[in-house]
Amino acid sequence: MATAPHAPYPPLGTHWDGLTVLARGANRVCAADPDDAAHCLKFELAPGERTRTGLRARLRRALARHWPALGENATELRAWRRLHARLGDSLDDWLAPCRGIVATRWGPGLRCALIREADGSPARSLYAHLFEGSRFGAPSLCAAVDAIERRLLAHDVPLFDLNAGNFVVTGVDAKPRLVCVDAKSTLDGKEILPFSRWSRRLMHRKIRRRAERLRQRIRAALADASPPH
């Protein structure tokens, strides 16, 4: 089994007690929605629970505490709404729908559709499949990346943050399917001048490059894994 590529996250505070945490990232935690089993809730983490970042990211986080519209949840909701307005319900095949930001006793949370396996269990992230065990092999997971890449290119979607934590894996037998659970990068990139969003040629080149990098990471992570049974 390959070693996970990042250091452990800072511990979560006791203010999250009562939530069933499904996943957590550098900036947010995803939990089961206690009021609706068909959905999950994403919460932005407190400053001490987030990973260390560069100056630009720290500045954005600080601004978001005063202007919530700059936060990760609001950005993701805007990104999903913009894509849905352009692509319609076909988007649901590969991007988890966002319903809106709701008030909870843990603070505001972004309510999203919870992607599930055929047996009803929450779908695990691609990251979990790579570093915590998977019934799928590298060739089938890479084929699932191919399918996502084709959709992005066909519809000119500037989804550049193709990392394993931003996708969950569902599907049956030897045919996994990837569903993106975070489309923030279609609006919020790291480029000061987003030429790769303005130019279709540069956009496609970057999508292909990021998709190939994800396939390489899948192959590297599962290189020593036992074949699925």
Protein backbone atom coordinates (compact mmCIF):
# COMPACT_ATOMS: atom_id res chain seq x y z
CA MET A 1 0.00 0.00 0.00
CA ALA A 2 1.35 3.39 -0.95
CA THR A 3 2.02 6.00 1.70
CA ALA A 4 -0.41 8.92 1.83
CA PRO A 5 1.27 11.98 0.24
CA HIS A 6 0.41 14.64 2.83
CA ALA A 7 1.01 15.10 6.54
CA PRO A 8 -1.86 14.51 8.98
CA TYR A 9 -4.38 17.32 9.25
CA PRO A 10 -4.70 19.32 12.47
CA PRO A 11 -7.25 17.74 14.85
CA LEU A 12 -10.88 18.81 14.73
CA GLY A 13 -12.27 20.77 17.68
CA THR A 14 -15.05 19.62 20.00
CA HIS A 15 -17.46 22.09 18.37
CA TRP A 16 -18.01 19.46 15.67
CA ASP A 17 -19.30 16.92 18.19
CA GLY A 18 -22.58 15.36 17.09
CA LEU A 19 -21.66 15.28 13.41
CA THR A 20 -20.90 12.10 11.49
CA VAL A 21 -17.79 13.16 9.60
CA LEU A 22 -17.48 11.56 6.18
CA ALA A 23 -14.32 13.30 4.96
CA ARG A 24 -12.13 16.28 5.65
CA GLY A 25 -9.75 18.33 3.63
CA ALA A 26 -7.33 21.16 4.19
CA ASN A 27 -10.09 23.78 4.57
CA ARG A 28 -13.42 22.02 5.08
CA VAL A 29 -15.07 19.05 6.68
CA CYS A 30 -17.87 17.01 5.08
CA ALA A 31 -20.47 15.38 7.30
CA ALA A 32 -23.71 13.46 6.91
CA ASP A 33 -26.73 15.75 6.96
CA PRO A 34 -28.58 14.80 10.17
CA ASP A 35 -31.86 16.07 8.71
CA ASP A 36 -31.67 14.47 5.25
CA ALA A 37 -29.95 11.17 4.48
CA ALA A 38 -29.80 12.04 0.76
CA HIS A 39 -27.44 14.93 1.44
CA CYS A 40 -24.21 15.89 3.14
CA LEU A 41 -23.06 19.18 4.65
CA LYS A 42 -19.74 20.92 4.06
CA PHE A 43 -18.43 23.23 6.77
CA GLU A 44 -15.51 25.60 6.60
CA LEU A 45 -12.93 24.83 9.27
CA ALA A 46 -11.77 27.20 11.97
CA PRO A 47 -8.31 28.78 11.37
CA GLY A 48 -6.54 26.43 13.80
CA GLU A 49 -7.99 23.36 12.08
CA ARG A 50 -6.71 24.25 8.63
CA THR A 51 -3.38 23.37 7.10
CA ARG A 52 -0.66 25.97 6.67
CA THR A 53 -0.69 27.78 3.35
CA GLY A 54 1.04 30.57 1.48
CA LEU A 55 0.39 34.26 1.92
CA ARG A 56 -2.20 34.52 -0.87
CA ALA A 57 -4.35 31.72 0.57
CA ARG A 58 -4.05 33.10 4.10
CA LEU A 59 -5.20 36.52 2.89
CA ARG A 60 -8.20 34.99 1.14
CA ARG A 61 -9.13 33.05 4.27
CA ALA A 62 -8.91 36.21 6.36
CA LEU A 63 -11.11 38.14 3.92
CA ALA A 64 -13.65 35.31 3.85
CA ARG A 65 -14.13 35.59 7.63
CA HIS A 66 -15.44 39.12 7.05
CA TRP A 67 -17.06 38.57 3.63
CA PRO A 68 -18.56 35.04 3.52
CA ALA A 69 -19.13 35.38 -0.24
CA LEU A 70 -15.38 34.81 -0.63
CA GLY A 71 -15.45 31.56 1.36
CA GLU A 72 -15.07 28.07 -0.04
CA ASN A 73 -18.75 27.16 0.35
CA ALA A 74 -20.07 30.26 -1.38
CA THR A 75 -17.51 29.86 -4.17
CA GLU A 76 -18.44 26.22 -4.73
CA LEU A 77 -22.15 27.05 -4.82
CA ARG A 78 -21.57 29.80 -7.40
CA ALA A 79 -19.43 27.44 -9.49
CA TRP A 80 -22.08 24.72 -9.48
CA ARG A 81 -24.89 27.15 -10.33
CA ARG A 82 -22.94 28.62 -13.22
CA LEU A 83 -22.17 25.18 -14.66
CA HIS A 84 -25.74 23.98 -14.15
CA ALA A 85 -27.12 27.03 -15.92
CA ARG A 86 -24.95 26.17 -18.92
CA LEU A 87 -25.10 22.36 -18.97
CA GLY A 88 -28.39 21.53 -17.24
CA ASP A 89 -29.19 18.28 -15.44
CA SER A 90 -26.61 16.31 -17.45
CA LEU A 91 -24.13 17.81 -15.00
CA ASP A 92 -25.48 15.50 -12.29
CA ASP A 93 -23.86 12.51 -14.00
CA TRP A 94 -20.38 13.65 -13.01
CA LEU A 95 -20.72 16.57 -10.55
CA ALA A 96 -22.51 16.29 -7.21
CA PRO A 97 -25.36 18.84 -7.11
CA CYS A 98 -25.21 21.71 -4.59
CA ARG A 99 -28.54 22.67 -3.01
CA GLY A 100 -27.65 25.80 -1.05
CA ILE A 101 -26.12 27.09 2.17
CA VAL A 102 -28.21 26.25 5.23
CA ALA A 103 -28.08 27.29 8.88
CA THR A 104 -27.21 24.56 11.39
CA ARG A 105 -26.15 24.47 15.02
CA TRP A 106 -22.58 23.93 13.79
CA GLY A 107 -22.72 27.04 11.65
CA PRO A 108 -23.56 27.57 7.96
CA GLY A 109 -23.11 24.48 5.83
CA LEU A 110 -23.24 23.84 2.11
CA ARG A 111 -25.84 21.15 1.45
CA CYS A 112 -24.87 18.83 -1.41
CA ALA A 113 -26.18 15.55 -2.77
CA LEU A 114 -24.52 12.61 -1.04
CA ILE A 115 -23.16 10.21 -3.64
CA ARG A 116 -23.68 6.61 -2.55
CA GLU A 117 -22.55 3.16 -3.56
CA ALA A 118 -25.01 0.57 -4.89
CA ASP A 119 -25.31 -0.87 -1.36
CA GLY A 120 -26.31 2.53 0.03
CA SER A 121 -23.04 3.36 1.77
CA PRO A 122 -21.46 6.79 1.12
CA ALA A 123 -19.07 6.65 -1.83
CA ARG A 124 -15.43 6.91 -0.77
CA SER A 125 -13.04 9.43 -2.24
CA LEU A 126 -10.57 8.44 -4.93
CA TYR A 127 -7.90 9.37 -2.38
CA ALA A 128 -9.27 6.71 0.00
CA HIS A 129 -9.25 4.14 -2.81
CA LEU A 130 -5.59 4.90 -3.51
CA PHE A 131 -4.31 4.89 0.07
CA GLU A 132 -6.81 2.88 2.12
CA GLY A 133 -7.57 -0.02 -0.23
CA SER A 134 -9.76 -0.47 -3.31
CA ARG A 135 -11.54 -3.22 -5.18
CA PHE A 136 -10.66 -1.42 -8.42
CA GLY A 137 -7.34 -1.63 -10.21
CA ALA A 138 -5.30 1.19 -11.73
CA PRO A 139 -6.45 0.53 -15.34
CA SER A 140 -10.15 0.86 -14.51
CA LEU A 141 -9.62 3.96 -12.34
CA CYS A 142 -7.52 5.55 -15.07
CA ALA A 143 -10.32 4.79 -17.54
CA ALA A 144 -12.69 6.65 -15.19
CA VAL A 145 -10.32 9.64 -15.32
CA ASP A 146 -10.42 9.39 -19.13
CA ALA A 147 -14.22 9.71 -19.00
CA ILE A 148 -14.05 12.82 -16.80
CA GLU A 149 -11.40 14.32 -19.08
CA ARG A 150 -13.61 13.79 -22.14
CA ARG A 151 -16.52 15.57 -20.47
CA LEU A 152 -14.40 18.55 -19.43
CA LEU A 153 -12.98 18.92 -22.93
CA ALA A 154 -16.32 18.43 -24.67
CA HIS A 155 -17.99 21.16 -22.61
CA ASP A 156 -15.00 23.48 -22.08
CA VAL A 157 -15.19 23.19 -18.29
CA PRO A 158 -12.08 24.73 -16.65
CA LEU A 159 -11.93 22.20 -13.81
CA PHE A 160 -8.20 22.18 -13.14
CA ASP A 161 -8.02 20.93 -9.55
CA LEU A 162 -8.02 17.27 -10.55
CA ASN A 163 -6.80 15.78 -7.30
CA ALA A 164 -7.90 12.53 -5.74
CA GLY A 165 -9.67 14.21 -2.84
CA ASN A 166 -12.08 16.03 -5.14
CA PHE A 167 -13.65 12.88 -6.58
CA VAL A 168 -15.62 10.01 -5.13
CA VAL A 169 -15.73 6.58 -6.74
CA THR A 170 -18.92 4.70 -7.45
CA GLY A 171 -19.85 1.97 -9.90
CA VAL A 172 -20.15 -1.79 -10.03
CA ASP A 173 -17.97 -4.72 -11.02
CA ALA A 174 -14.78 -3.52 -12.70
CA LYS A 175 -16.29 -0.27 -14.04
CA PRO A 176 -15.78 2.55 -11.56
CA ARG A 177 -17.22 5.98 -12.20
CA LEU A 178 -15.81 9.23 -10.82
CA VAL A 179 -18.08 11.97 -9.53
CA CYS A 180 -16.55 15.36 -8.79
CA VAL A 181 -17.53 16.73 -5.37
CA ASP A 182 -15.76 20.08 -5.56
CA ALA A 183 -15.93 22.39 -8.58
CA LYS A 184 -14.52 25.50 -6.91
CA SER A 185 -11.53 25.55 -9.23
CA THR A 186 -13.77 26.41 -12.19
CA LEU A 187 -14.04 29.86 -10.59
CA ASP A 188 -11.24 30.12 -8.06
CA GLY A 189 -7.82 29.30 -9.46
CA LYS A 190 -4.27 30.07 -8.41
CA GLU A 191 -3.42 32.09 -11.50
CA ILE A 192 -3.23 35.85 -11.10
CA LEU A 193 -4.08 36.22 -14.79
CA PRO A 194 -6.29 33.23 -15.71
CA PHE A 195 -5.16 32.79 -19.30
CA SER A 196 -6.15 29.11 -19.18
CA ARG A 197 -9.76 30.18 -18.64
CA TRP A 198 -9.71 32.81 -21.37
CA SER A 199 -8.11 30.63 -24.03
CA ARG A 200 -9.86 27.39 -25.07
CA ARG A 201 -6.57 25.99 -26.39
CA LEU A 202 -4.76 26.67 -23.12
CA MET A 203 -7.72 25.35 -21.14
CA HIS A 204 -7.71 22.04 -23.00
CA ARG A 205 -3.95 21.73 -22.68
CA LYS A 206 -4.15 22.27 -18.92
CA ILE A 207 -7.04 19.82 -18.49
CA ARG A 208 -5.09 17.14 -20.38
CA ARG A 209 -1.97 17.81 -18.33
CA ARG A 210 -3.83 17.63 -15.00
CA ALA A 211 -5.72 14.49 -16.04
CA GLU A 212 -2.47 12.77 -17.01
CA ARG A 213 -0.92 13.75 -13.69
CA LEU A 214 -3.89 12.19 -11.87
CA ARG A 215 -3.52 8.99 -13.89
CA GLN A 216 0.18 8.87 -13.01
CA ARG A 217 -0.66 9.22 -9.32
CA ILE A 218 -3.20 6.41 -9.56
CA ARG A 219 -0.66 4.11 -11.21
CA ALA A 220 2.03 5.01 -8.67
CA ALA A 221 -0.26 4.53 -5.67
CA LEU A 222 -1.59 1.17 -6.84
CA ALA A 223 1.63 -0.16 -8.33
CA ASP A 224 2.23 -2.52 -5.40
CA ALA A 225 -1.41 -3.19 -4.56
CA SER A 226 -2.82 -6.68 -4.86
CA PRO A 227 -5.22 -7.19 -7.75
CA PRO A 228 -8.90 -6.77 -6.77
CA HIS A 229 -10.87 -9.96 -6.16
